[in-house]
Amino acid sequence: MGEMHLLGIITGAALLLSVASAQLVNRFLVERIAVLGPFAGFELSHNSGIAFGLRLPPVMQEILIGIALVIVAIIAIRSVRARSGESRLSAAGRVAFGLILGGGIANIIDRIPDGLVTDFIQIGTFPTFNVADSCITIGAILLLVESFAHRRETF
């Protein structure tokens, strides 16, 4: 499978799962569903902020989110299309960037109609989050692990 194909497939899958889950939750989740009693469950929440509920003026939020996504996309594409013709990005790196891009785009799509992101995964006292947030977080963790693994190889 081509290197750009994997990035595209993961981006598309993360985007589709994130948008579909938000749509389903908005349509069908009317009251909290306990999964592990009061500790974890599904609870509908709409968030006007960005990461961890941080709130900035709406225009500033949109600009920052857009800039961040463009930067991530440029880094991902440049890493896959290295000048030497050989990718500088492992499969795990392509998966990581795909998760980040798909989750980020999904949160933007979710925010378009009303300026709110649909959150519904509640664990302990951690801020409620969604599938897109999970994709972004998992992608960032994969990139960190990949970075540390690559550094160990060079030393």
N, C-alpha and C. Protein backbone atom coordinates (compact mmCIF):
# COMPACT_ATOMS: atom_id res chain seq x y z
N MET A 1 0.85 -1.17 0.00
CA MET A 1 0.00 0.00 0.00
C MET A 1 0.89 1.23 0.00
N GLY A 2 0.54 2.21 -0.82
CA GLY A 2 1.33 3.42 -0.88
C GLY A 2 1.29 4.18 0.43
N GLU A 3 2.35 4.94 0.65
CA GLU A 3 2.48 5.67 1.91
C GLU A 3 1.40 6.72 2.09
N MET A 4 1.07 7.44 1.01
CA MET A 4 0.00 8.44 1.10
C MET A 4 -1.35 7.76 1.27
N HIS A 5 -1.49 6.54 0.72
CA HIS A 5 -2.76 5.83 0.86
C HIS A 5 -3.07 5.53 2.32
N LEU A 6 -2.08 5.06 3.05
CA LEU A 6 -2.29 4.74 4.46
C LEU A 6 -2.69 5.99 5.24
N LEU A 7 -2.00 7.09 4.99
CA LEU A 7 -2.33 8.35 5.64
C LEU A 7 -3.77 8.75 5.31
N GLY A 8 -4.15 8.63 4.05
CA GLY A 8 -5.51 8.99 3.63
C GLY A 8 -6.57 8.08 4.21
N ILE A 9 -6.30 6.79 4.25
CA ILE A 9 -7.27 5.83 4.79
C ILE A 9 -7.50 6.08 6.28
N ILE A 10 -6.42 6.27 7.02
CA ILE A 10 -6.56 6.50 8.46
C ILE A 10 -7.25 7.84 8.72
N THR A 11 -6.89 8.86 7.97
CA THR A 11 -7.55 10.16 8.11
C THR A 11 -9.05 10.01 7.85
N GLY A 12 -9.40 9.34 6.76
CA GLY A 12 -10.81 9.13 6.42
C GLY A 12 -11.55 8.32 7.46
N ALA A 13 -10.93 7.26 7.96
CA ALA A 13 -11.58 6.41 8.96
C ALA A 13 -11.81 7.19 10.26
N ALA A 14 -10.80 7.92 10.71
CA ALA A 14 -10.94 8.71 11.94
C ALA A 14 -12.03 9.78 11.77
N LEU A 15 -12.04 10.41 10.61
CA LEU A 15 -13.04 11.44 10.31
C LEU A 15 -14.44 10.83 10.32
N LEU A 16 -14.62 9.72 9.61
CA LEU A 16 -15.93 9.08 9.51
C LEU A 16 -16.44 8.61 10.87
N LEU A 17 -15.59 7.91 11.63
CA LEU A 17 -16.01 7.43 12.95
C LEU A 17 -16.35 8.58 13.90
N SER A 18 -15.56 9.62 13.84
CA SER A 18 -15.77 10.77 14.73
C SER A 18 -17.06 11.50 14.40
N VAL A 19 -17.28 11.79 13.12
CA VAL A 19 -18.49 12.51 12.72
C VAL A 19 -19.73 11.64 12.96
N ALA A 20 -19.66 10.36 12.59
CA ALA A 20 -20.80 9.46 12.78
C ALA A 20 -21.17 9.33 14.25
N SER A 21 -20.18 9.19 15.12
CA SER A 21 -20.47 9.04 16.55
C SER A 21 -21.11 10.31 17.10
N ALA A 22 -20.63 11.48 16.69
CA ALA A 22 -21.22 12.74 17.16
C ALA A 22 -22.66 12.86 16.69
N GLN A 23 -22.92 12.48 15.43
CA GLN A 23 -24.28 12.54 14.90
C GLN A 23 -25.22 11.59 15.64
N LEU A 24 -24.75 10.37 15.89
CA LEU A 24 -25.56 9.39 16.61
C LEU A 24 -25.86 9.84 18.04
N VAL A 25 -24.85 10.37 18.71
CA VAL A 25 -25.03 10.84 20.08
C VAL A 25 -26.02 12.00 20.12
N ASN A 26 -25.87 12.96 19.21
CA ASN A 26 -26.79 14.10 19.17
C ASN A 26 -28.23 13.65 18.93
N ARG A 27 -28.39 12.61 18.17
CA ARG A 27 -29.73 12.15 17.82
C ARG A 27 -30.35 11.25 18.90
N PHE A 28 -29.55 10.37 19.52
CA PHE A 28 -30.13 9.32 20.35
C PHE A 28 -29.80 9.37 21.85
N LEU A 29 -28.74 10.04 22.25
CA LEU A 29 -28.36 10.03 23.66
C LEU A 29 -29.14 11.12 24.41
N VAL A 30 -30.14 10.69 25.18
CA VAL A 30 -30.98 11.67 25.87
C VAL A 30 -30.68 11.73 27.37
N GLU A 31 -30.14 10.66 27.93
CA GLU A 31 -29.74 10.68 29.33
C GLU A 31 -28.48 9.85 29.49
N ARG A 32 -27.78 10.09 30.58
CA ARG A 32 -26.50 9.42 30.83
C ARG A 32 -26.67 7.91 30.83
N ILE A 33 -25.72 7.22 30.19
CA ILE A 33 -25.67 5.76 30.21
C ILE A 33 -24.42 5.38 30.99
N ALA A 34 -24.62 4.75 32.14
CA ALA A 34 -23.50 4.34 32.98
C ALA A 34 -22.84 3.11 32.37
N VAL A 35 -21.52 3.14 32.28
CA VAL A 35 -20.76 1.99 31.81
C VAL A 35 -20.05 1.35 33.01
N LEU A 36 -19.44 2.18 33.84
CA LEU A 36 -18.82 1.74 35.09
C LEU A 36 -19.37 2.58 36.23
N GLY A 37 -20.66 2.47 36.43
CA GLY A 37 -21.32 3.24 37.49
C GLY A 37 -21.11 4.72 37.30
N PRO A 38 -20.90 5.45 38.39
CA PRO A 38 -20.70 6.89 38.26
C PRO A 38 -19.32 7.26 37.71
N PHE A 39 -18.39 6.30 37.66
CA PHE A 39 -17.03 6.60 37.21
C PHE A 39 -16.94 6.86 35.71
N ALA A 40 -17.62 6.06 34.90
CA ALA A 40 -17.50 6.20 33.45
C ALA A 40 -18.82 5.93 32.77
N GLY A 41 -19.07 6.66 31.71
CA GLY A 41 -20.29 6.46 30.96
C GLY A 41 -20.37 7.39 29.77
N PHE A 42 -21.55 7.39 29.16
CA PHE A 42 -21.82 8.28 28.04
C PHE A 42 -22.81 9.34 28.49
N GLU A 43 -22.39 10.59 28.36
CA GLU A 43 -23.21 11.71 28.80
C GLU A 43 -23.05 12.86 27.82
N LEU A 44 -24.15 13.27 27.23
CA LEU A 44 -24.11 14.32 26.21
C LEU A 44 -23.71 15.66 26.81
N SER A 45 -22.76 16.29 26.16
CA SER A 45 -22.28 17.60 26.57
C SER A 45 -21.87 18.35 25.31
N HIS A 46 -22.15 19.63 25.26
CA HIS A 46 -21.72 20.44 24.13
C HIS A 46 -20.69 21.44 24.62
N ASN A 47 -19.58 21.50 23.94
CA ASN A 47 -18.43 22.27 24.38
C ASN A 47 -18.14 23.38 23.37
N SER A 48 -18.13 24.60 23.84
CA SER A 48 -17.79 25.72 22.95
C SER A 48 -16.30 26.02 22.95
N GLY A 49 -15.57 25.38 23.85
CA GLY A 49 -14.13 25.64 23.95
C GLY A 49 -13.33 24.74 23.04
N ILE A 50 -12.01 24.79 23.23
CA ILE A 50 -11.12 23.90 22.49
C ILE A 50 -10.59 22.88 23.48
N ALA A 51 -9.40 22.41 23.34
CA ALA A 51 -8.85 21.33 24.17
C ALA A 51 -9.11 21.55 25.66
N PHE A 52 -9.63 20.50 26.30
CA PHE A 52 -9.90 20.50 27.74
C PHE A 52 -10.83 21.62 28.17
N GLY A 53 -11.73 22.04 27.27
CA GLY A 53 -12.71 23.07 27.61
C GLY A 53 -12.16 24.49 27.63
N LEU A 54 -10.90 24.67 27.21
CA LEU A 54 -10.30 26.00 27.17
C LEU A 54 -11.12 26.88 26.23
N ARG A 55 -11.48 28.07 26.71
CA ARG A 55 -12.30 28.97 25.91
C ARG A 55 -11.51 30.22 25.53
N LEU A 56 -11.55 30.51 24.26
CA LEU A 56 -10.97 31.73 23.70
C LEU A 56 -12.08 32.41 22.91
N PRO A 57 -11.90 33.65 22.50
CA PRO A 57 -12.91 34.26 21.63
C PRO A 57 -13.14 33.37 20.40
N PRO A 58 -14.41 33.17 19.97
CA PRO A 58 -14.71 32.22 18.89
C PRO A 58 -13.85 32.37 17.63
N VAL A 59 -13.64 33.59 17.18
CA VAL A 59 -12.83 33.79 15.98
C VAL A 59 -11.40 33.31 16.20
N MET A 60 -10.85 33.59 17.39
CA MET A 60 -9.49 33.16 17.73
C MET A 60 -9.40 31.64 17.74
N GLN A 61 -10.41 30.98 18.33
CA GLN A 61 -10.43 29.52 18.36
C GLN A 61 -10.38 28.94 16.96
N GLU A 62 -11.23 29.44 16.09
CA GLU A 62 -11.30 28.93 14.73
C GLU A 62 -9.99 29.14 13.98
N ILE A 63 -9.39 30.29 14.17
CA ILE A 63 -8.11 30.57 13.51
C ILE A 63 -7.03 29.63 14.03
N LEU A 64 -6.94 29.47 15.35
CA LEU A 64 -5.93 28.58 15.93
C LEU A 64 -6.12 27.13 15.49
N ILE A 65 -7.35 26.66 15.50
CA ILE A 65 -7.63 25.29 15.07
C ILE A 65 -7.25 25.11 13.61
N GLY A 66 -7.63 26.06 12.77
CA GLY A 66 -7.30 25.98 11.35
C GLY A 66 -5.80 25.98 11.10
N ILE A 67 -5.09 26.87 11.77
CA ILE A 67 -3.63 26.95 11.62
C ILE A 67 -2.98 25.65 12.07
N ALA A 68 -3.43 25.12 13.22
CA ALA A 68 -2.85 23.87 13.73
C ALA A 68 -3.07 22.73 12.75
N LEU A 69 -4.26 22.63 12.18
CA LEU A 69 -4.52 21.55 11.22
C LEU A 69 -3.69 21.69 9.95
N VAL A 70 -3.55 22.90 9.47
CA VAL A 70 -2.73 23.12 8.27
C VAL A 70 -1.28 22.74 8.54
N ILE A 71 -0.76 23.12 9.69
CA ILE A 71 0.63 22.78 10.05
C ILE A 71 0.80 21.27 10.13
N VAL A 72 -0.13 20.59 10.80
CA VAL A 72 -0.04 19.12 10.92
C VAL A 72 -0.10 18.48 9.54
N ALA A 73 -1.00 18.96 8.68
CA ALA A 73 -1.13 18.39 7.34
C ALA A 73 0.16 18.60 6.54
N ILE A 74 0.74 19.77 6.62
CA ILE A 74 1.99 20.05 5.89
C ILE A 74 3.11 19.15 6.38
N ILE A 75 3.24 19.03 7.69
CA ILE A 75 4.29 18.16 8.25
C ILE A 75 4.08 16.72 7.81
N ALA A 76 2.84 16.24 7.89
CA ALA A 76 2.54 14.86 7.51
C ALA A 76 2.86 14.61 6.04
N ILE A 77 2.40 15.48 5.17
CA ILE A 77 2.61 15.29 3.73
C ILE A 77 4.09 15.42 3.38
N ARG A 78 4.79 16.39 3.96
CA ARG A 78 6.22 16.54 3.68
C ARG A 78 7.02 15.35 4.20
N SER A 79 6.60 14.78 5.32
CA SER A 79 7.29 13.62 5.87
C SER A 79 7.10 12.39 5.01
N VAL A 80 5.92 12.26 4.43
CA VAL A 80 5.65 11.11 3.55
C VAL A 80 6.34 11.30 2.21
N ARG A 81 6.36 12.51 1.71
CA ARG A 81 6.98 12.80 0.40
C ARG A 81 8.38 13.37 0.58
N ALA A 82 9.25 12.60 1.12
CA ALA A 82 10.64 13.06 1.32
C ALA A 82 11.31 13.25 -0.03
N ARG A 83 12.29 14.14 -0.07
CA ARG A 83 12.99 14.45 -1.32
C ARG A 83 13.71 13.24 -1.90
N SER A 84 14.20 12.39 -1.05
CA SER A 84 14.95 11.23 -1.53
C SER A 84 14.04 10.20 -2.19
N GLY A 85 12.72 10.42 -2.12
CA GLY A 85 11.79 9.46 -2.68
C GLY A 85 11.39 8.40 -1.68
N GLU A 86 12.08 8.38 -0.56
CA GLU A 86 11.77 7.40 0.48
C GLU A 86 11.19 8.14 1.68
N SER A 87 10.09 7.64 2.18
CA SER A 87 9.40 8.31 3.28
C SER A 87 10.27 8.35 4.53
N ARG A 88 10.21 9.49 5.24
CA ARG A 88 10.89 9.60 6.53
C ARG A 88 9.95 9.17 7.64
N LEU A 89 8.74 8.77 7.28
CA LEU A 89 7.71 8.47 8.25
C LEU A 89 7.37 6.99 8.23
N SER A 90 7.41 6.36 9.39
CA SER A 90 7.06 4.95 9.49
C SER A 90 5.55 4.79 9.33
N ALA A 91 5.11 3.55 9.24
CA ALA A 91 3.67 3.28 9.18
C ALA A 91 2.98 3.82 10.43
N ALA A 92 3.61 3.64 11.59
CA ALA A 92 3.03 4.17 12.84
C ALA A 92 2.91 5.69 12.78
N GLY A 93 3.89 6.35 12.20
CA GLY A 93 3.84 7.80 12.05
C GLY A 93 2.72 8.24 11.13
N ARG A 94 2.51 7.49 10.03
CA ARG A 94 1.42 7.82 9.12
C ARG A 94 0.06 7.60 9.80
N VAL A 95 -0.05 6.53 10.58
CA VAL A 95 -1.29 6.29 11.33
C VAL A 95 -1.51 7.44 12.32
N ALA A 96 -0.46 7.84 13.02
CA ALA A 96 -0.57 8.92 14.00
C ALA A 96 -1.05 10.21 13.35
N PHE A 97 -0.42 10.60 12.26
CA PHE A 97 -0.84 11.83 11.58
C PHE A 97 -2.26 11.70 11.04
N GLY A 98 -2.62 10.53 10.53
CA GLY A 98 -3.98 10.30 10.04
C GLY A 98 -5.01 10.47 11.15
N LEU A 99 -4.71 9.94 12.33
CA LEU A 99 -5.63 10.09 13.46
C LEU A 99 -5.79 11.55 13.86
N ILE A 100 -4.68 12.26 13.91
CA ILE A 100 -4.72 13.68 14.29
C ILE A 100 -5.50 14.50 13.27
N LEU A 101 -5.21 14.28 11.98
CA LEU A 101 -5.92 15.03 10.93
C LEU A 101 -7.40 14.69 10.90
N GLY A 102 -7.74 13.40 10.94
CA GLY A 102 -9.14 12.99 10.90
C GLY A 102 -9.92 13.52 12.09
N GLY A 103 -9.33 13.41 13.29
CA GLY A 103 -10.00 13.91 14.49
C GLY A 103 -10.15 15.42 14.47
N GLY A 104 -9.13 16.11 14.02
CA GLY A 104 -9.18 17.57 13.96
C GLY A 104 -10.23 18.07 12.97
N ILE A 105 -10.27 17.46 11.80
CA ILE A 105 -11.26 17.85 10.79
C ILE A 105 -12.67 17.54 11.30
N ALA A 106 -12.83 16.39 11.96
CA ALA A 106 -14.15 16.01 12.49
C ALA A 106 -14.64 17.02 13.51
N ASN A 107 -13.76 17.46 14.40
CA ASN A 107 -14.18 18.46 15.40
C ASN A 107 -14.56 19.77 14.73
N ILE A 108 -13.88 20.13 13.65
CA ILE A 108 -14.25 21.35 12.92
C ILE A 108 -15.63 21.17 12.29
N ILE A 109 -15.86 20.03 11.66
CA ILE A 109 -17.17 19.77 11.04
C ILE A 109 -18.27 19.80 12.10
N ASP A 110 -18.02 19.20 13.25
CA ASP A 110 -19.01 19.18 14.33
C ASP A 110 -19.31 20.59 14.83
N ARG A 111 -18.32 21.46 14.80
CA ARG A 111 -18.45 22.83 15.32
C ARG A 111 -19.17 23.76 14.34
N ILE A 112 -19.20 23.44 13.06
CA ILE A 112 -19.72 24.36 12.04
C ILE A 112 -21.16 24.82 12.28
N PRO A 113 -22.12 23.93 12.54
CA PRO A 113 -23.51 24.40 12.63
C PRO A 113 -23.80 25.38 13.76
N ASP A 114 -23.21 25.15 14.94
CA ASP A 114 -23.61 25.96 16.10
C ASP A 114 -22.44 26.44 16.96
N GLY A 115 -21.21 26.20 16.51
CA GLY A 115 -20.04 26.63 17.28
C GLY A 115 -19.72 25.72 18.45
N LEU A 116 -20.40 24.56 18.53
CA LEU A 116 -20.22 23.64 19.64
C LEU A 116 -19.71 22.28 19.16
N VAL A 117 -18.91 21.65 19.98
CA VAL A 117 -18.44 20.29 19.70
C VAL A 117 -19.22 19.35 20.62
N THR A 118 -19.66 18.23 20.07
CA THR A 118 -20.41 17.24 20.83
C THR A 118 -19.45 16.33 21.58
N ASP A 119 -19.48 16.39 22.89
CA ASP A 119 -18.68 15.51 23.74
C ASP A 119 -19.62 14.55 24.43
N PHE A 120 -19.15 13.32 24.70
CA PHE A 120 -20.06 12.36 25.31
C PHE A 120 -19.38 11.25 26.10
N ILE A 121 -18.07 11.17 26.09
CA ILE A 121 -17.37 10.14 26.84
C ILE A 121 -16.92 10.75 28.17
N GLN A 122 -17.45 10.20 29.26
CA GLN A 122 -17.18 10.74 30.59
C GLN A 122 -16.43 9.69 31.39
N ILE A 123 -15.24 10.05 31.87
CA ILE A 123 -14.43 9.16 32.70
C ILE A 123 -13.94 9.96 33.90
N GLY A 124 -14.39 9.53 35.07
CA GLY A 124 -13.98 10.19 36.31
C GLY A 124 -14.25 11.67 36.26
N THR A 125 -13.28 12.44 36.74
CA THR A 125 -13.43 13.90 36.75
C THR A 125 -12.76 14.56 35.55
N PHE A 126 -12.24 13.73 34.64
CA PHE A 126 -11.61 14.25 33.43
C PHE A 126 -12.68 14.94 32.57
N PRO A 127 -12.34 16.03 31.88
CA PRO A 127 -13.35 16.68 31.03
C PRO A 127 -13.94 15.69 30.02
N THR A 128 -15.24 15.81 29.79
CA THR A 128 -15.93 14.97 28.82
C THR A 128 -15.30 15.18 27.44
N PHE A 129 -15.17 14.11 26.66
CA PHE A 129 -14.52 14.19 25.35
C PHE A 129 -15.27 13.36 24.34
N ASN A 130 -14.75 13.27 23.12
CA ASN A 130 -15.42 12.53 22.05
C ASN A 130 -14.43 11.65 21.29
N VAL A 131 -14.91 10.97 20.26
CA VAL A 131 -14.06 10.08 19.48
C VAL A 131 -12.96 10.87 18.77
N ALA A 132 -13.30 12.04 18.24
CA ALA A 132 -12.29 12.87 17.56
C ALA A 132 -11.16 13.26 18.51
N ASP A 133 -11.52 13.65 19.73
CA ASP A 133 -10.51 13.99 20.73
C ASP A 133 -9.62 12.78 21.02
N SER A 134 -10.24 11.60 21.10
CA SER A 134 -9.48 10.37 21.34
C SER A 134 -8.51 10.10 20.20
N CYS A 135 -8.97 10.30 18.96
CA CYS A 135 -8.08 10.10 17.80
C CYS A 135 -6.89 11.05 17.87
N ILE A 136 -7.14 12.30 18.18
CA ILE A 136 -6.07 13.30 18.27
C ILE A 136 -5.08 12.91 19.36
N THR A 137 -5.60 12.52 20.52
CA THR A 137 -4.74 12.16 21.65
C THR A 137 -3.91 10.91 21.35
N ILE A 138 -4.55 9.88 20.81
CA ILE A 138 -3.83 8.65 20.46
C ILE A 138 -2.77 8.94 19.40
N GLY A 139 -3.12 9.76 18.40
CA GLY A 139 -2.15 10.14 17.37
C GLY A 139 -0.96 10.87 17.95
N ALA A 140 -1.21 11.79 18.88
CA ALA A 140 -0.10 12.53 19.50
C ALA A 140 0.79 11.60 20.33
N ILE A 141 0.17 10.67 21.05
CA ILE A 141 0.95 9.70 21.84
C ILE A 141 1.79 8.82 20.91
N LEU A 142 1.20 8.37 19.82
CA LEU A 142 1.97 7.56 18.85
C LEU A 142 3.16 8.33 18.30
N LEU A 143 2.96 9.61 17.99
CA LEU A 143 4.08 10.42 17.50
C LEU A 143 5.17 10.57 18.54
N LEU A 144 4.78 10.75 19.81
CA LEU A 144 5.78 10.85 20.87
C LEU A 144 6.56 9.54 21.02
N VAL A 145 5.85 8.42 21.02
CA VAL A 145 6.51 7.12 21.13
C VAL A 145 7.44 6.91 19.94
N GLU A 146 6.97 7.24 18.76
CA GLU A 146 7.77 7.12 17.54
C GLU A 146 9.02 7.99 17.62
N SER A 147 8.86 9.20 18.14
CA SER A 147 9.98 10.12 18.26
C SER A 147 11.03 9.58 19.22
N PHE A 148 10.59 9.07 20.37
CA PHE A 148 11.53 8.51 21.34
C PHE A 148 12.21 7.26 20.79
N ALA A 149 11.46 6.44 20.07
CA ALA A 149 12.04 5.22 19.48
C ALA A 149 13.08 5.60 18.43
N HIS A 150 12.79 6.61 17.63
CA HIS A 150 13.73 7.05 16.59
C HIS A 150 15.00 7.64 17.22
N ARG A 151 14.84 8.38 18.31
CA ARG A 151 16.00 8.97 18.99
C ARG A 151 16.90 7.89 19.56
N ARG A 152 16.29 6.83 20.09
CA ARG A 152 17.09 5.73 20.65
C ARG A 152 17.90 5.04 19.56
N GLU A 153 17.31 4.94 18.35
CA GLU A 153 18.00 4.32 17.23
C GLU A 153 19.20 5.14 16.77
N THR A 154 19.13 6.46 16.89
CA THR A 154 20.22 7.31 16.41
C THR A 154 21.34 7.46 17.40
N PHE A 155 21.14 7.01 18.64
CA PHE A 155 22.20 7.12 19.64
C PHE A 155 22.90 5.81 19.85
